Amino acid sequence: MIRMQQSVDSTQALAESDAVAVERTLAGDRDAYRVLVERHSHNVFRLAYRMTRNRHDAEEVVQEAFLRGYQKLGQFAARSNFGTWVYRIAANYAIDRMRQRQKEEARREMPRTEDKDGMENDPLTRVKDEAPTPERLTQSIELRKQLEQALAALTEAERTAFVMRHWEGCGIEEIAAVLKSSSNATKNTVFRAVQKLRHALQPMVETRAQARAMGTEL
């Protein structure tokens, strides 16, 4: 009980300290914002890295999240503590960055060469038979595109809740803090996101299941 109270007191003290730093930043003290970055960058990087699985992208998410936070600091007011606010900015930008990278990868063509006889030689023909065929790779890319579109159709709260819950493994209470919502409302947000994604992806899932049953899956 004592330990829990100490944790609550520590969180409250940090929020109050953040509020002071925000006020100083808005008053023109740039060093104050640097304190906020140093204080919260580790947690933001951890979120970004878990979502992107890429250090370079994670660092970009951190930089962009704090840049956007600085640019929009006047809109922050005192509606929530700075840590949860910038955490939410980072989560949403990470989704946008992943969607952009996946589109870039989908557009990238496989390299092609010519053999000694001058015949065009596709590297995919050199892989073992059990490896994914070009058609199956195309299906995987198409499924990712459908997921990207489905995620984009979610509300900001739904996207954030889904990613944090099912991609990062965050608890409901942690997500609720980011969304500034109650636990029950957050559970409903996660449920709505899952239902919407299932509905959006159902046609493709059924098509692949039917092909598998008929033995015609590529």
Protein backbone atom coordinates (compact mmCIF):
# COMPACT_ATOMS: atom_id res chain seq x y z
CA MET A 1 0.00 0.00 0.00
CA ILE A 2 2.86 2.33 0.91
CA ARG A 3 4.73 1.43 -2.30
CA MET A 4 1.62 2.13 -4.40
CA GLN A 5 1.17 5.52 -2.74
CA GLN A 6 4.83 6.34 -3.41
CA SER A 7 4.33 5.47 -7.08
CA VAL A 8 1.26 7.70 -7.29
CA ASP A 9 3.12 10.54 -5.59
CA SER A 10 6.08 10.13 -7.95
CA THR A 11 3.83 10.19 -11.03
CA GLN A 12 2.04 13.28 -9.75
CA ALA A 13 5.33 15.03 -9.00
CA LEU A 14 6.61 14.24 -12.51
CA ALA A 15 3.42 15.59 -14.09
CA GLU A 16 3.72 18.78 -12.05
CA SER A 17 7.37 19.11 -13.05
CA ASP A 18 6.41 18.63 -16.70
CA ALA A 19 3.75 21.31 -16.37
CA VAL A 20 6.37 23.77 -15.13
CA ALA A 21 8.69 22.88 -18.02
CA VAL A 22 5.84 23.38 -20.50
CA GLU A 23 5.06 26.80 -19.06
CA ARG A 24 8.73 27.82 -19.26
CA THR A 25 8.93 26.59 -22.85
CA LEU A 26 5.87 28.59 -23.85
CA ALA A 27 7.51 31.60 -22.19
CA GLY A 28 10.49 31.22 -24.54
CA ASP A 29 12.88 29.03 -22.57
CA ARG A 30 14.08 26.41 -25.10
CA ASP A 31 16.25 24.68 -22.51
CA ALA A 32 13.06 23.78 -20.66
CA TYR A 33 11.80 21.81 -23.65
CA ARG A 34 15.15 20.02 -23.84
CA VAL A 35 14.48 18.79 -20.31
CA LEU A 36 11.15 17.33 -21.46
CA VAL A 37 12.83 15.58 -24.39
CA GLU A 38 15.53 14.05 -22.19
CA ARG A 39 12.95 12.98 -19.63
CA HIS A 40 10.57 11.21 -22.01
CA SER A 41 12.64 10.24 -25.06
CA HIS A 42 13.50 6.78 -23.72
CA ASN A 43 9.87 5.72 -23.32
CA VAL A 44 8.92 7.21 -26.68
CA PHE A 45 11.80 5.40 -28.39
CA ARG A 46 10.76 2.11 -26.77
CA LEU A 47 7.23 2.51 -28.14
CA ALA A 48 8.48 3.50 -31.59
CA TYR A 49 10.96 0.64 -31.81
CA ARG A 50 8.39 -1.96 -30.78
CA MET A 51 6.02 -0.67 -33.42
CA THR A 52 8.47 -0.23 -36.30
CA ARG A 53 11.00 -2.97 -35.41
CA ASN A 54 13.57 -0.67 -36.97
CA ARG A 55 16.03 1.55 -35.10
CA HIS A 56 16.28 4.15 -37.88
CA ASP A 57 12.51 4.50 -38.15
CA ALA A 58 12.17 4.56 -34.36
CA GLU A 59 14.66 7.43 -34.10
CA GLU A 60 12.74 9.30 -36.82
CA VAL A 61 9.49 8.77 -34.90
CA VAL A 62 11.07 10.16 -31.72
CA GLN A 63 12.41 13.24 -33.50
CA GLU A 64 9.14 13.89 -35.30
CA ALA A 65 7.03 13.33 -32.18
CA PHE A 66 8.96 15.89 -30.14
CA LEU A 67 9.09 18.32 -33.07
CA ARG A 68 5.31 18.12 -33.49
CA GLY A 69 4.93 18.38 -29.73
CA TYR A 70 6.97 21.60 -29.72
CA GLN A 71 5.04 23.04 -32.66
CA LYS A 72 1.68 22.24 -31.05
CA LEU A 73 2.64 22.99 -27.47
CA GLY A 74 0.32 25.98 -27.44
CA GLN A 75 -2.59 23.58 -27.98
CA PHE A 76 -1.50 21.34 -25.13
CA ALA A 77 -2.67 23.56 -22.28
CA ALA A 78 -3.17 21.45 -19.15
CA ARG A 79 -5.55 18.82 -20.51
CA SER A 80 -3.16 15.97 -19.68
CA ASN A 81 0.42 15.43 -18.64
CA PHE A 82 3.10 15.96 -21.26
CA GLY A 83 4.37 12.36 -21.21
CA THR A 84 1.08 10.75 -22.25
CA TRP A 85 0.45 13.53 -24.77
CA VAL A 86 3.73 13.08 -26.66
CA TYR A 87 3.37 9.29 -26.35
CA ARG A 88 0.14 9.50 -28.30
CA ILE A 89 1.70 11.72 -30.96
CA ALA A 90 4.49 9.17 -31.37
CA ALA A 91 2.11 6.21 -31.63
CA ASN A 92 0.12 7.83 -34.43
CA TYR A 93 3.18 9.00 -36.35
CA ALA A 94 4.69 5.51 -36.06
CA ILE A 95 1.60 4.08 -37.77
CA ASP A 96 1.93 6.62 -40.58
CA ARG A 97 5.64 5.87 -40.96
CA MET A 98 5.06 2.12 -41.17
CA ARG A 99 2.35 2.61 -43.77
CA GLN A 100 4.70 4.77 -45.84
CA ARG A 101 7.57 2.27 -45.62
CA GLN A 102 5.35 -0.65 -46.60
CA LYS A 103 4.17 1.25 -49.68
CA GLU A 104 7.78 1.92 -50.62
CA GLU A 105 8.64 -1.77 -50.26
CA ALA A 106 5.62 -2.80 -52.32
CA ARG A 107 6.70 -0.53 -55.17
CA ARG A 108 10.24 -1.84 -55.16
CA GLU A 109 10.81 -4.23 -58.05
CA MET A 110 12.79 -7.44 -57.76
CA PRO A 111 16.20 -7.14 -59.49
CA ARG A 112 16.56 -9.00 -62.75
CA THR A 113 19.74 -10.17 -64.49
CA GLU A 114 20.74 -12.02 -67.61
CA ASP A 115 22.56 -15.33 -67.73
CA LYS A 116 25.56 -16.11 -69.93
CA ASP A 117 23.26 -16.93 -72.86
CA GLY A 118 21.65 -13.52 -72.67
CA MET A 119 18.37 -14.93 -71.34
CA GLU A 120 16.55 -12.94 -68.69
CA ASN A 121 16.98 -14.57 -65.32
CA ASP A 122 14.63 -13.79 -62.44
CA PRO A 123 16.26 -14.43 -59.02
CA LEU A 124 12.93 -15.82 -57.81
CA THR A 125 13.43 -18.82 -60.10
CA ARG A 126 16.54 -19.77 -58.15
CA VAL A 127 14.84 -20.26 -54.80
CA LYS A 128 13.71 -23.67 -53.60
CA ASP A 129 10.26 -24.89 -54.52
CA GLU A 130 8.98 -24.58 -50.96
CA ALA A 131 9.80 -20.87 -50.87
CA PRO A 132 6.97 -18.39 -51.48
CA THR A 133 6.08 -18.03 -55.14
CA PRO A 134 5.79 -14.56 -56.75
CA GLU A 135 2.00 -14.96 -56.64
CA ARG A 136 2.06 -15.72 -52.92
CA LEU A 137 4.36 -12.77 -52.30
CA THR A 138 1.91 -10.60 -54.20
CA GLN A 139 -0.92 -11.85 -51.99
CA SER A 140 1.10 -11.00 -48.88
CA ILE A 141 1.73 -7.49 -50.17
CA GLU A 142 -1.96 -7.13 -51.00
CA LEU A 143 -2.92 -8.27 -47.50
CA ARG A 144 -0.57 -5.70 -45.99
CA LYS A 145 -2.07 -3.01 -48.20
CA GLN A 146 -5.56 -3.97 -47.03
CA LEU A 147 -4.39 -3.80 -43.41
CA GLU A 148 -2.85 -0.37 -44.01
CA GLN A 149 -6.11 0.89 -45.49
CA ALA A 150 -8.11 -0.62 -42.65
CA LEU A 151 -5.85 1.00 -40.05
CA ALA A 152 -6.13 4.34 -41.83
CA ALA A 153 -9.93 4.08 -41.64
CA LEU A 154 -9.86 3.78 -37.85
CA THR A 155 -10.21 6.83 -35.67
CA GLU A 156 -7.05 8.16 -34.02
CA ALA A 157 -8.06 6.64 -30.68
CA GLU A 158 -8.86 3.26 -32.26
CA ARG A 159 -5.57 3.11 -34.15
CA THR A 160 -3.57 4.03 -31.08
CA ALA A 161 -5.42 1.56 -28.87
CA PHE A 162 -5.08 -1.30 -31.35
CA VAL A 163 -1.38 -0.80 -31.96
CA MET A 164 -0.51 -0.40 -28.29
CA ARG A 165 -2.62 -3.39 -27.24
CA HIS A 166 -1.97 -5.92 -30.00
CA TRP A 167 1.35 -4.79 -31.46
CA GLU A 168 3.13 -3.49 -28.39
CA GLY A 169 1.37 -5.52 -25.70
CA CYS A 170 0.49 -2.59 -23.45
CA GLY A 171 -2.00 -3.02 -20.64
CA ILE A 172 -5.44 -1.44 -20.67
CA GLU A 173 -4.54 1.00 -17.91
CA GLU A 174 -1.49 2.23 -19.81
CA ILE A 175 -3.52 2.71 -22.99
CA ALA A 176 -6.26 4.46 -21.03
CA ALA A 177 -3.67 6.92 -19.71
CA VAL A 178 -2.52 7.72 -23.24
CA LEU A 179 -6.09 8.12 -24.49
CA LYS A 180 -7.10 9.99 -21.34
CA SER A 181 -10.04 7.63 -20.98
CA SER A 182 -11.49 5.16 -18.49
CA SER A 183 -10.52 1.48 -18.53
CA ASN A 184 -13.98 0.38 -19.70
CA ALA A 185 -14.05 2.97 -22.47
CA THR A 186 -10.56 1.89 -23.57
CA LYS A 187 -11.61 -1.77 -23.70
CA ASN A 188 -14.52 -0.75 -25.92
CA THR A 189 -12.16 1.23 -28.15
CA VAL A 190 -9.86 -1.78 -28.58
CA PHE A 191 -12.88 -4.01 -29.29
CA ARG A 192 -14.25 -1.62 -31.92
CA ALA A 193 -10.85 -1.44 -33.62
CA VAL A 194 -10.56 -5.23 -33.77
CA GLN A 195 -14.10 -5.60 -35.12
CA LYS A 196 -13.53 -2.98 -37.82
CA LEU A 197 -10.27 -4.59 -38.91
CA ARG A 198 -11.85 -8.04 -39.01
CA HIS A 199 -14.70 -6.71 -41.11
CA ALA A 200 -12.32 -4.94 -43.51
CA LEU A 201 -10.04 -7.97 -43.93
CA GLN A 202 -12.74 -10.65 -43.94
CA PRO A 203 -13.21 -10.81 -47.77
CA MET A 204 -9.52 -11.47 -48.37
CA VAL A 205 -9.28 -13.95 -45.51
CA GLU A 206 -12.30 -15.87 -46.84
CA THR A 207 -10.85 -15.91 -50.35
CA ARG A 208 -7.58 -17.39 -49.13
CA ALA A 209 -9.38 -19.91 -46.92
CA GLN A 210 -11.55 -21.01 -49.85
CA ALA A 211 -8.50 -21.40 -52.10
CA ARG A 212 -6.77 -23.45 -49.41
CA ALA A 213 -9.81 -25.75 -49.07
CA MET A 214 -9.96 -26.28 -52.82
CA GLY A 215 -6.22 -26.88 -53.04
CA THR A 216 -5.76 -23.93 -55.35
CA GLU A 217 -3.96 -21.59 -52.97
CA LEU A 218 -0.83 -20.15 -54.57
